[in-house]
Amino acid sequence: MLKELRYSLFLLVIFLFLFLVLKHYFSDNNKKNSYRLYKQVDEKIFHYSKNLILLRNDTANIVEYVKKTVDKNKKNYNFWNLRNNNE
């Protein structure tokens, strides 16, 4: 009997917790506060972006391309061919 009461109390506490959390989450007051927070964040981003200092681009022509020299005397190795040759 006592064990059943304890389980029912646990279930009651869990359901009560879920109910209160969901009630708060879906409340109009919470939605209003979240939208206000989003608007404040957007305003802060806009404010900081207007005060950003733009840096000069100094990365033009920084990559130097090197031609690959093909040495005709160099032997091309292939792993599987080397393995088969040693057997």
C-alpha atoms as a PDB file:
ATOM      1  CA  MET A   1       0.000   0.000   0.000  1.00  0.00           C
ATOM      2  CA  LEU A   2       2.729   2.413   0.978  1.00  0.00           C
ATOM      3  CA  LYS A   3       4.681   1.598  -2.160  1.00  0.00           C
ATOM      4  CA  GLU A   4       1.679   2.377  -4.360  1.00  0.00           C
ATOM      5  CA  LEU A   5       1.139   5.700  -2.617  1.00  0.00           C
ATOM      6  CA  ARG A   6       4.751   6.581  -3.123  1.00  0.00           C
ATOM      7  CA  TYR A   7       4.561   5.797  -6.864  1.00  0.00           C
ATOM      8  CA  SER A   8       1.376   7.790  -7.225  1.00  0.00           C
ATOM      9  CA  LEU A   9       3.024  10.710  -5.425  1.00  0.00           C
ATOM     10  CA  PHE A  10       5.987  10.504  -7.799  1.00  0.00           C
ATOM     11  CA  LEU A  11       3.669  10.506 -10.786  1.00  0.00           C
ATOM     12  CA  LEU A  12       1.715  13.428  -9.388  1.00  0.00           C
ATOM     13  CA  VAL A  13       4.898  15.459  -8.858  1.00  0.00           C
ATOM     14  CA  ILE A  14       6.160  14.668 -12.370  1.00  0.00           C
ATOM     15  CA  PHE A  15       2.859  15.610 -14.013  1.00  0.00           C
ATOM     16  CA  LEU A  16       2.585  18.745 -11.915  1.00  0.00           C
ATOM     17  CA  PHE A  17       6.100  19.756 -12.886  1.00  0.00           C
ATOM     18  CA  LEU A  18       5.435  19.179 -16.577  1.00  0.00           C
ATOM     19  CA  PHE A  19       2.151  21.039 -16.412  1.00  0.00           C
ATOM     20  CA  LEU A  20       3.685  24.093 -14.732  1.00  0.00           C
ATOM     21  CA  VAL A  21       6.665  24.191 -17.052  1.00  0.00           C
ATOM     22  CA  LEU A  22       4.511  23.945 -20.169  1.00  0.00           C
ATOM     23  CA  LYS A  23       2.056  26.482 -18.809  1.00  0.00           C
ATOM     24  CA  HIS A  24       4.882  28.961 -18.263  1.00  0.00           C
ATOM     25  CA  TYR A  25       6.541  28.212 -21.602  1.00  0.00           C
ATOM     26  CA  PHE A  26       3.380  28.756 -23.634  1.00  0.00           C
ATOM     27  CA  SER A  27       2.162  31.754 -21.650  1.00  0.00           C
ATOM     28  CA  ASP A  28       1.658  35.115 -23.339  1.00  0.00           C
ATOM     29  CA  ASN A  29       3.980  36.808 -20.863  1.00  0.00           C
ATOM     30  CA  ASN A  30       6.862  34.493 -21.785  1.00  0.00           C
ATOM     31  CA  LYS A  31       6.263  34.984 -25.517  1.00  0.00           C
ATOM     32  CA  LYS A  32       6.212  38.752 -25.062  1.00  0.00           C
ATOM     33  CA  ASN A  33       9.471  38.712 -23.091  1.00  0.00           C
ATOM     34  CA  SER A  34      11.179  36.480 -25.655  1.00  0.00           C
ATOM     35  CA  TYR A  35      10.157  38.770 -28.525  1.00  0.00           C
ATOM     36  CA  ARG A  36      11.426  41.771 -26.576  1.00  0.00           C
ATOM     37  CA  LEU A  37      14.730  40.005 -26.033  1.00  0.00           C
ATOM     38  CA  TYR A  38      15.036  39.226 -29.757  1.00  0.00           C
ATOM     39  CA  LYS A  39      14.343  42.834 -30.598  1.00  0.00           C
ATOM     40  CA  GLN A  40      16.974  44.049 -28.109  1.00  0.00           C
ATOM     41  CA  VAL A  41      19.551  41.667 -29.564  1.00  0.00           C
ATOM     42  CA  ASP A  42      18.762  42.891 -33.087  1.00  0.00           C
ATOM     43  CA  GLU A  43      19.140  46.495 -31.951  1.00  0.00           C
ATOM     44  CA  LYS A  44      22.496  45.735 -30.312  1.00  0.00           C
ATOM     45  CA  ILE A  45      23.758  44.017 -33.453  1.00  0.00           C
ATOM     46  CA  PHE A  46      22.654  46.952 -35.590  1.00  0.00           C
ATOM     47  CA  HIS A  47      24.305  49.425 -33.181  1.00  0.00           C
ATOM     48  CA  TYR A  48      27.610  47.521 -33.101  1.00  0.00           C
ATOM     49  CA  SER A  49      27.623  47.007 -36.864  1.00  0.00           C
ATOM     50  CA  LYS A  50      27.308  50.750 -37.470  1.00  0.00           C
ATOM     51  CA  ASN A  51      30.372  51.403 -35.285  1.00  0.00           C
ATOM     52  CA  LEU A  52      32.613  48.752 -36.856  1.00  0.00           C
ATOM     53  CA  ILE A  53      35.892  49.870 -38.349  1.00  0.00           C
ATOM     54  CA  LEU A  54      36.461  48.488 -41.835  1.00  0.00           C
ATOM     55  CA  LEU A  55      39.975  47.279 -42.481  1.00  0.00           C
ATOM     56  CA  ARG A  56      41.764  47.675 -45.793  1.00  0.00           C
ATOM     57  CA  ASN A  57      42.051  44.509 -47.862  1.00  0.00           C
ATOM     58  CA  ASP A  58      45.753  43.670 -48.146  1.00  0.00           C
ATOM     59  CA  THR A  59      45.458  40.109 -49.430  1.00  0.00           C
ATOM     60  CA  ALA A  60      45.416  40.823 -53.148  1.00  0.00           C
ATOM     61  CA  ASN A  61      47.901  38.760 -55.208  1.00  0.00           C
ATOM     62  CA  ILE A  62      49.234  36.949 -52.166  1.00  0.00           C
ATOM     63  CA  VAL A  63      49.106  33.458 -53.655  1.00  0.00           C
ATOM     64  CA  GLU A  64      52.013  32.509 -55.875  1.00  0.00           C
ATOM     65  CA  TYR A  65      51.393  29.646 -58.243  1.00  0.00           C
ATOM     66  CA  VAL A  66      54.309  27.331 -58.929  1.00  0.00           C
ATOM     67  CA  LYS A  67      54.443  25.243 -62.060  1.00  0.00           C
ATOM     68  CA  LYS A  68      54.719  21.568 -61.389  1.00  0.00           C
ATOM     69  CA  THR A  69      57.808  20.239 -63.062  1.00  0.00           C
ATOM     70  CA  VAL A  70      57.407  16.819 -64.545  1.00  0.00           C
ATOM     71  CA  ASP A  71      60.602  14.807 -64.368  1.00  0.00           C
ATOM     72  CA  LYS A  72      60.471  12.123 -67.030  1.00  0.00           C
ATOM     73  CA  ASN A  73      63.252  10.174 -65.312  1.00  0.00           C
ATOM     74  CA  LYS A  74      61.320   9.889 -62.081  1.00  0.00           C
ATOM     75  CA  LYS A  75      59.757   6.499 -61.580  1.00  0.00           C
ATOM     76  CA  ASN A  76      56.067   6.515 -60.669  1.00  0.00           C
ATOM     77  CA  TYR A  77      55.402   4.136 -57.819  1.00  0.00           C
ATOM     78  CA  ASN A  78      52.149   2.401 -57.252  1.00  0.00           C
ATOM     79  CA  PHE A  79      51.664   0.589 -53.979  1.00  0.00           C
ATOM     80  CA  TRP A  80      49.844  -2.436 -55.378  1.00  0.00           C
ATOM     81  CA  ASN A  81      52.362  -2.916 -58.140  1.00  0.00           C
ATOM     82  CA  LEU A  82      55.231  -2.781 -55.653  1.00  0.00           C
ATOM     83  CA  ARG A  83      53.496  -5.327 -53.468  1.00  0.00           C
ATOM     84  CA  ASN A  84      52.911  -7.697 -56.389  1.00  0.00           C
ATOM     85  CA  ASN A  85      56.514  -7.340 -57.636  1.00  0.00           C
ATOM     86  CA  ASN A  86      57.953  -8.447 -54.292  1.00  0.00           C
ATOM     87  CA  GLU A  87      56.063 -11.721 -54.215  1.00  0.00           C
END
